[in-house]
């Protein structure tokens, strides 16, 4: 059976959920071969094997941490040359898309970014994408070279399928460009205890209707009750009510959770572009004519300052 390379997104060997989704999708195309760059590959291999990786190609070198992107591209290219895969799958993070694009250029292959589904086809993998602010759905396939595909988080539910997950050392030679951009410092982001916005299964976002930074505790309270991430519209971010790192929209982050709750957000196209592929959308807005209601599965016309606290308490009560 053909093999499919899966680039592993991890933190010191702790495999992140989008990689488990990729392994699940990769099994539709062939046998997943994971590429783990950095420390603790043996630990990561336990999880990767549980979700279908037949092999784990591992490499660790200071270049992966000390320099930006290119050393990882060198390593992924080495894995490609070792395996000759049917496809290469990479998570659709900012870094993942840059790695995928650079690899595709080197291989002379076509690339598809931000896929939301993937299936086997007679002439190679067929991907589904949501384009033009999710106004259209397209199905595409790469016609030249080995397909390089990035997949959005939450595009598939991770499904365990135990495989060997045997660790094999990957030999990597770094090119001159690998040391072109050096990381000079790192500052750890303060943890909120909430899931990462782009990976969360549930997102609760606040907009202009929240009416001030001091009121975002209502959004955070509902998010915490649901185990959700907190998002914000551009209007809320531009007003300084919430950090830009939480902005959902065309100039912010794109999310595709199982449940998206928009509170006090009118639903401008800029915001819709960042959340329109969510599986279930709920809106709370006192303006019955707000454009967001054209998009939702469930809409609540009401004052968020009355609705959100009641909803939070109901969620807590049902959780027991």
Protein backbone atom coordinates (compact mmCIF):
# COMPACT_ATOMS: atom_id res chain seq x y z
CA UNK A 1 0.00 0.00 0.00
CA UNK A 2 1.22 3.54 -0.72
CA UNK A 3 2.70 5.57 2.13
CA UNK A 4 1.62 9.09 3.09
CA UNK A 5 3.91 11.52 4.92
CA UNK A 6 2.36 13.36 7.87
CA UNK A 7 4.26 16.29 9.38
CA UNK A 8 3.94 16.18 13.17
CA UNK A 9 2.97 19.33 15.05
CA UNK A 10 4.03 18.89 18.67
CA UNK A 11 5.30 20.68 21.77
CA UNK A 12 8.36 18.89 23.17
CA UNK A 13 6.95 15.56 22.03
CA UNK A 14 3.35 16.21 23.09
CA UNK A 15 1.46 15.66 19.83
CA UNK A 16 -1.15 18.29 19.05
CA UNK A 17 -4.68 17.37 17.95
CA UNK A 18 -4.39 18.56 14.29
CA UNK A 19 -1.72 15.90 13.72
CA UNK A 20 -4.06 13.17 14.97
CA UNK A 21 -6.65 14.46 12.50
CA UNK A 22 -4.07 14.27 9.69
CA UNK A 23 -3.22 10.68 10.59
CA UNK A 24 -6.93 9.82 10.44
CA UNK A 25 -7.27 11.43 7.00
CA UNK A 26 -3.99 9.93 5.76
CA UNK A 27 -5.35 6.42 6.32
CA UNK A 28 -7.87 7.09 3.54
CA UNK A 29 -4.94 7.37 1.13
CA UNK A 30 -2.47 4.80 2.41
CA UNK A 31 -0.18 3.98 5.33
CA UNK A 32 0.69 7.07 7.39
CA UNK A 33 4.39 7.73 8.01
CA UNK A 34 4.90 10.46 10.62
CA UNK A 35 7.80 12.92 10.47
CA UNK A 36 8.78 14.08 13.96
CA UNK A 37 11.35 16.87 14.23
CA UNK A 38 12.70 17.81 17.64
CA UNK A 39 13.01 16.15 21.06
CA UNK A 40 11.10 13.26 22.65
CA UNK A 41 10.28 11.32 19.49
CA UNK A 42 10.02 8.05 21.42
CA UNK A 43 7.34 9.53 23.64
CA UNK A 44 5.46 11.03 20.69
CA UNK A 45 5.63 7.73 18.81
CA UNK A 46 3.29 6.11 21.37
CA UNK A 47 0.53 8.57 20.43
CA UNK A 48 1.36 8.59 16.73
CA UNK A 49 1.26 4.78 16.59
CA UNK A 50 -2.05 4.74 18.43
CA UNK A 51 -3.57 6.88 15.66
CA UNK A 52 -2.21 4.90 12.74
CA UNK A 53 1.42 5.83 12.07
CA UNK A 54 3.15 2.72 10.77
CA UNK A 55 6.53 4.42 11.09
CA UNK A 56 7.91 7.55 12.75
CA UNK A 57 10.85 9.19 11.00
CA UNK A 58 12.63 11.18 13.72
CA UNK A 59 15.35 13.79 13.65
CA UNK A 60 16.57 16.16 16.34
CA UNK A 61 19.02 18.99 15.81
CA UNK A 62 19.53 22.45 17.34
CA UNK A 63 18.77 23.99 13.94
CA UNK A 64 15.07 23.16 14.32
CA UNK A 65 14.78 25.45 17.35
CA UNK A 66 17.47 28.01 16.56
CA UNK A 67 16.40 28.94 13.03
CA UNK A 68 13.10 29.58 11.27
CA UNK A 69 11.32 27.09 8.98
CA UNK A 70 14.04 26.16 6.47
CA UNK A 71 15.72 23.42 8.59
CA UNK A 72 12.30 21.77 8.92
CA UNK A 73 11.81 21.97 5.16
CA UNK A 74 15.22 20.33 4.69
CA UNK A 75 14.15 17.51 7.02
CA UNK A 76 10.75 17.03 5.39
CA UNK A 77 12.44 16.90 1.99
CA UNK A 78 14.83 14.23 3.32
CA UNK A 79 11.81 12.24 4.54
CA UNK A 80 10.17 12.62 1.14
CA UNK A 81 13.27 11.32 -0.64
CA UNK A 82 13.45 8.40 1.78
CA UNK A 83 9.80 7.35 1.46
CA UNK A 84 8.63 8.47 -2.03
CA UNK A 85 5.11 9.01 -0.62
CA UNK A 86 1.80 9.28 -2.44
CA UNK A 87 1.12 12.60 -0.67
CA UNK A 88 2.46 14.91 2.03
CA UNK A 89 0.03 16.24 4.67
CA UNK A 90 0.83 19.25 6.87
CA UNK A 91 -1.32 21.10 9.45
CA UNK A 92 -2.69 24.45 8.18
CA UNK A 93 -0.94 26.65 10.72
CA UNK A 94 1.01 29.71 9.59
CA UNK A 95 4.28 27.79 9.92
CA UNK A 96 2.81 24.63 8.42
CA UNK A 97 1.67 26.43 5.28
CA UNK A 98 5.09 28.01 4.81
CA UNK A 99 6.81 24.64 5.23
CA UNK A 100 4.40 23.03 2.76
CA UNK A 101 4.82 25.80 0.19
CA UNK A 102 8.61 25.69 0.33
CA UNK A 103 8.57 21.90 0.02
CA UNK A 104 6.22 22.02 -2.98
CA UNK A 105 8.53 24.48 -4.75
CA UNK A 106 11.52 22.23 -4.15
CA UNK A 107 9.67 19.17 -5.42
CA UNK A 108 8.10 20.94 -8.38
CA UNK A 109 4.74 19.75 -7.07
CA UNK A 110 1.29 21.27 -6.83
CA UNK A 111 0.04 22.40 -3.42
CA UNK A 112 -3.45 22.72 -1.93
CA UNK A 113 -3.86 24.75 1.26
CA UNK A 114 -6.60 24.91 3.89
CA UNK A 115 -8.38 21.73 2.86
CA UNK A 116 -11.38 20.81 5.01
CA UNK A 117 -11.78 17.26 3.72
CA UNK A 118 -9.73 14.67 1.87
CA UNK A 119 -10.52 11.45 0.04
CA UNK A 120 -8.83 9.00 -2.29
CA UNK A 121 -9.41 9.42 -6.01
CA UNK A 122 -8.53 7.46 -9.14
CA UNK A 123 -5.91 10.06 -10.10
CA UNK A 124 -4.74 11.03 -6.63
CA UNK A 125 -6.17 12.62 -3.46
CA UNK A 126 -9.22 14.84 -3.91
CA UNK A 127 -9.56 17.72 -1.46
CA UNK A 128 -12.48 19.90 -0.42
CA UNK A 129 -11.91 23.59 0.32
CA UNK A 130 -14.14 26.46 1.43
CA UNK A 131 -13.19 29.53 -0.61
CA UNK A 132 -14.17 33.18 -1.10
CA UNK A 133 -15.05 33.64 2.57
CA UNK A 134 -16.67 30.18 2.54
CA UNK A 135 -19.23 31.32 -0.04
CA UNK A 136 -18.20 28.42 -2.30
CA UNK A 137 -17.01 24.85 -1.83
CA UNK A 138 -14.46 23.51 -4.29
CA UNK A 139 -13.08 20.04 -4.94
CA UNK A 140 -9.54 19.93 -6.28
CA UNK A 141 -6.62 17.64 -6.92
CA UNK A 142 -2.96 18.20 -7.69
CA UNK A 143 -2.09 17.39 -11.30
CA UNK A 144 1.70 17.73 -11.13
CA UNK A 145 4.13 15.94 -8.85
CA UNK A 146 3.40 14.57 -5.39
CA UNK A 147 0.44 16.37 -3.77
CA UNK A 148 1.39 18.60 -0.85
CA UNK A 149 -1.74 19.38 1.17
CA UNK A 150 -2.35 21.45 4.28
CA UNK A 151 -5.51 20.68 6.27
CA UNK A 152 -7.41 23.00 8.60
CA UNK A 153 -7.78 21.95 12.25
CA UNK A 154 -11.12 20.34 13.17
CA UNK A 155 -11.61 18.99 9.65
CA UNK A 156 -11.86 15.42 10.92
CA UNK A 157 -12.48 13.68 14.22
CA UNK A 158 -9.32 11.83 15.32
CA UNK A 159 -9.90 8.08 15.24
CA UNK A 160 -7.52 5.62 16.88
CA UNK A 161 -6.22 2.81 14.68
CA UNK A 162 -3.23 1.23 16.45
CA UNK A 163 -0.19 0.61 14.26
CA UNK A 164 3.47 -0.15 14.86
CA UNK A 165 4.69 3.44 15.16
CA UNK A 166 8.28 2.20 14.98
CA UNK A 167 10.82 5.01 15.37
CA UNK A 168 13.47 5.28 12.65
CA UNK A 169 16.21 7.89 12.64
CA UNK A 170 16.08 10.29 9.71
CA UNK A 171 19.36 11.56 8.33
CA UNK A 172 19.16 15.27 7.48
CA UNK A 173 21.68 17.50 5.70
CA UNK A 174 21.02 21.21 6.13
CA UNK A 175 21.53 23.55 3.19
CA UNK A 176 23.11 27.01 3.31
CA UNK A 177 19.71 28.70 3.58
CA UNK A 178 18.89 26.79 6.78
CA UNK A 179 20.75 29.29 8.96
CA UNK A 180 19.55 32.39 7.14
CA UNK A 181 17.08 33.53 9.82
CA UNK A 182 18.05 33.04 13.46
CA UNK A 183 15.68 33.05 16.43
CA UNK A 184 17.13 35.59 18.86
CA UNK A 185 14.67 35.28 21.75
CA UNK A 186 11.48 33.59 22.91
CA UNK A 187 8.84 34.77 25.36
CA UNK A 188 6.36 32.16 26.62
CA UNK A 189 2.74 33.12 26.14
CA UNK A 190 0.79 33.41 29.37
CA UNK A 191 -1.46 30.38 29.68
CA UNK A 192 -5.18 30.91 30.21
CA UNK A 193 -5.91 27.21 30.62
CA UNK A 194 -8.25 27.41 27.62
CA UNK A 195 -7.75 25.50 24.36
CA UNK A 196 -5.85 27.02 21.46
CA UNK A 197 -8.27 29.13 19.39
CA UNK A 198 -7.67 27.49 16.02
CA UNK A 199 -7.84 23.97 17.46
CA UNK A 200 -10.76 24.32 19.88
CA UNK A 201 -13.88 22.23 19.38
CA UNK A 202 -15.98 25.09 20.82
CA UNK A 203 -15.36 28.84 20.41
CA UNK A 204 -17.25 31.67 22.11
CA UNK A 205 -16.61 35.08 20.53
CA UNK A 206 -17.54 38.60 21.55
CA UNK A 207 -17.96 41.67 19.38
CA UNK A 208 -18.91 45.32 19.46
CA UNK A 209 -22.04 44.48 21.45
CA UNK A 210 -19.95 43.43 24.46
CA UNK A 211 -19.42 47.17 24.90
CA UNK A 212 -16.06 47.23 26.67
CA UNK A 213 -13.10 45.18 27.88
CA UNK A 214 -14.60 45.10 31.36
CA UNK A 215 -17.52 43.04 30.03
CA UNK A 216 -15.50 40.32 28.32
CA UNK A 217 -15.62 38.36 31.58
CA UNK A 218 -19.13 37.34 30.47
CA UNK A 219 -17.70 35.77 27.30
CA UNK A 220 -14.89 34.13 29.25
CA UNK A 221 -17.35 32.75 31.81
CA UNK A 222 -19.45 31.04 29.14
CA UNK A 223 -16.31 29.76 27.41
CA UNK A 224 -14.97 28.29 30.64
CA UNK A 225 -18.30 26.60 31.39
CA UNK A 226 -18.17 24.96 27.94
CA UNK A 227 -14.44 24.23 27.94
CA UNK A 228 -14.15 26.57 24.96
CA UNK A 229 -11.68 29.04 23.51
CA UNK A 230 -12.41 32.78 23.50
CA UNK A 231 -12.52 34.74 20.24
CA UNK A 232 -13.19 38.36 19.37
CA UNK A 233 -14.34 40.32 16.35
CA UNK A 234 -12.14 42.90 14.66
CA UNK A 235 -14.24 45.71 16.15
CA UNK A 236 -13.59 44.41 19.67
CA UNK A 237 -9.88 43.97 19.00
CA UNK A 238 -9.46 47.37 17.34
CA UNK A 239 -11.16 48.97 20.33
CA UNK A 240 -8.54 47.40 22.59
CA UNK A 241 -11.05 45.21 24.44
CA UNK A 242 -9.29 41.91 23.70
CA UNK A 243 -5.85 40.86 22.37
CA UNK A 244 -5.31 40.63 18.61
CA UNK A 245 -4.17 37.02 19.03
CA UNK A 246 -7.84 36.16 19.65
CA UNK A 247 -9.26 37.90 16.58
CA UNK A 248 -11.43 35.72 14.36
CA UNK A 249 -11.81 36.88 10.78
CA UNK A 250 -10.15 37.56 7.46
CA UNK A 251 -7.32 39.55 9.06
CA UNK A 252 -7.26 37.38 12.17
CA UNK A 253 -7.51 33.64 12.67
CA UNK A 254 -9.69 31.17 10.84
CA UNK A 255 -11.54 28.70 13.04
CA UNK A 256 -13.68 25.70 12.20
CA UNK A 257 -14.98 24.32 15.50
CA UNK A 258 -17.86 21.96 16.11
CA UNK A 259 -19.72 24.82 17.85
CA UNK A 260 -19.25 28.58 17.37
CA UNK A 261 -21.16 31.04 19.56
CA UNK A 262 -21.14 34.66 18.35
CA UNK A 263 -22.23 37.18 20.97
CA UNK A 264 -22.79 40.83 20.09
CA UNK A 265 -21.31 40.31 16.61
CA UNK A 266 -23.18 41.78 13.64
CA UNK A 267 -21.70 39.34 11.12
CA UNK A 268 -19.72 41.48 8.68
CA UNK A 269 -18.15 39.52 5.81
CA UNK A 270 -14.69 40.03 7.36
CA UNK A 271 -15.75 38.09 10.44
CA UNK A 272 -17.73 35.48 8.55
CA UNK A 273 -14.65 34.63 6.52
CA UNK A 274 -12.96 33.41 9.68
CA UNK A 275 -15.73 31.19 11.12
CA UNK A 276 -18.19 30.29 8.36
CA UNK A 277 -17.01 26.67 8.14
CA UNK A 278 -17.95 26.01 11.79
CA UNK A 279 -20.17 22.92 12.07
CA UNK A 280 -22.87 24.55 14.22
CA UNK A 281 -23.23 28.33 14.63
CA UNK A 282 -25.23 30.08 17.35
CA UNK A 283 -25.67 33.87 17.48
CA UNK A 284 -26.85 36.11 20.31
CA UNK A 285 -27.70 39.64 19.18
CA UNK A 286 -30.38 42.16 20.10
CA UNK A 287 -30.66 43.33 16.48
CA UNK A 288 -33.01 40.94 14.70
CA UNK A 289 -31.77 42.28 11.33
CA UNK A 290 -28.07 41.57 12.02
CA UNK A 291 -26.44 39.80 9.03
CA UNK A 292 -25.09 37.08 11.33
CA UNK A 293 -28.60 35.60 11.53
CA UNK A 294 -28.44 34.75 7.80
CA UNK A 295 -25.64 32.31 8.61
CA UNK A 296 -26.60 30.65 11.87
CA UNK A 297 -28.11 27.31 12.78
CA UNK A 298 -29.66 28.82 15.93
CA UNK A 299 -30.27 32.49 16.65
CA UNK A 300 -31.24 34.23 19.86
CA UNK A 301 -32.61 37.76 19.52
CA UNK A 302 -31.89 39.26 22.91
CA UNK A 303 -29.56 41.32 25.08
CA UNK A 304 -26.33 39.39 25.60
CA UNK A 305 -26.04 40.86 29.10
CA UNK A 306 -29.21 38.94 30.00
CA UNK A 307 -28.82 35.88 27.78
CA UNK A 308 -25.14 34.98 28.33
CA UNK A 309 -25.27 34.82 32.16
CA UNK A 310 -28.40 32.64 31.99
CA UNK A 311 -26.80 30.39 29.39
CA UNK A 312 -23.63 30.09 31.50
CA UNK A 313 -25.58 29.10 34.59
CA UNK A 314 -27.67 26.57 32.62
CA UNK A 315 -24.50 24.98 31.22
CA UNK A 316 -23.00 24.73 34.69
CA UNK A 317 -26.21 23.26 36.10
CA UNK A 318 -26.39 20.59 33.40
CA UNK A 319 -22.77 19.67 33.95
CA UNK A 320 -23.76 18.98 37.51
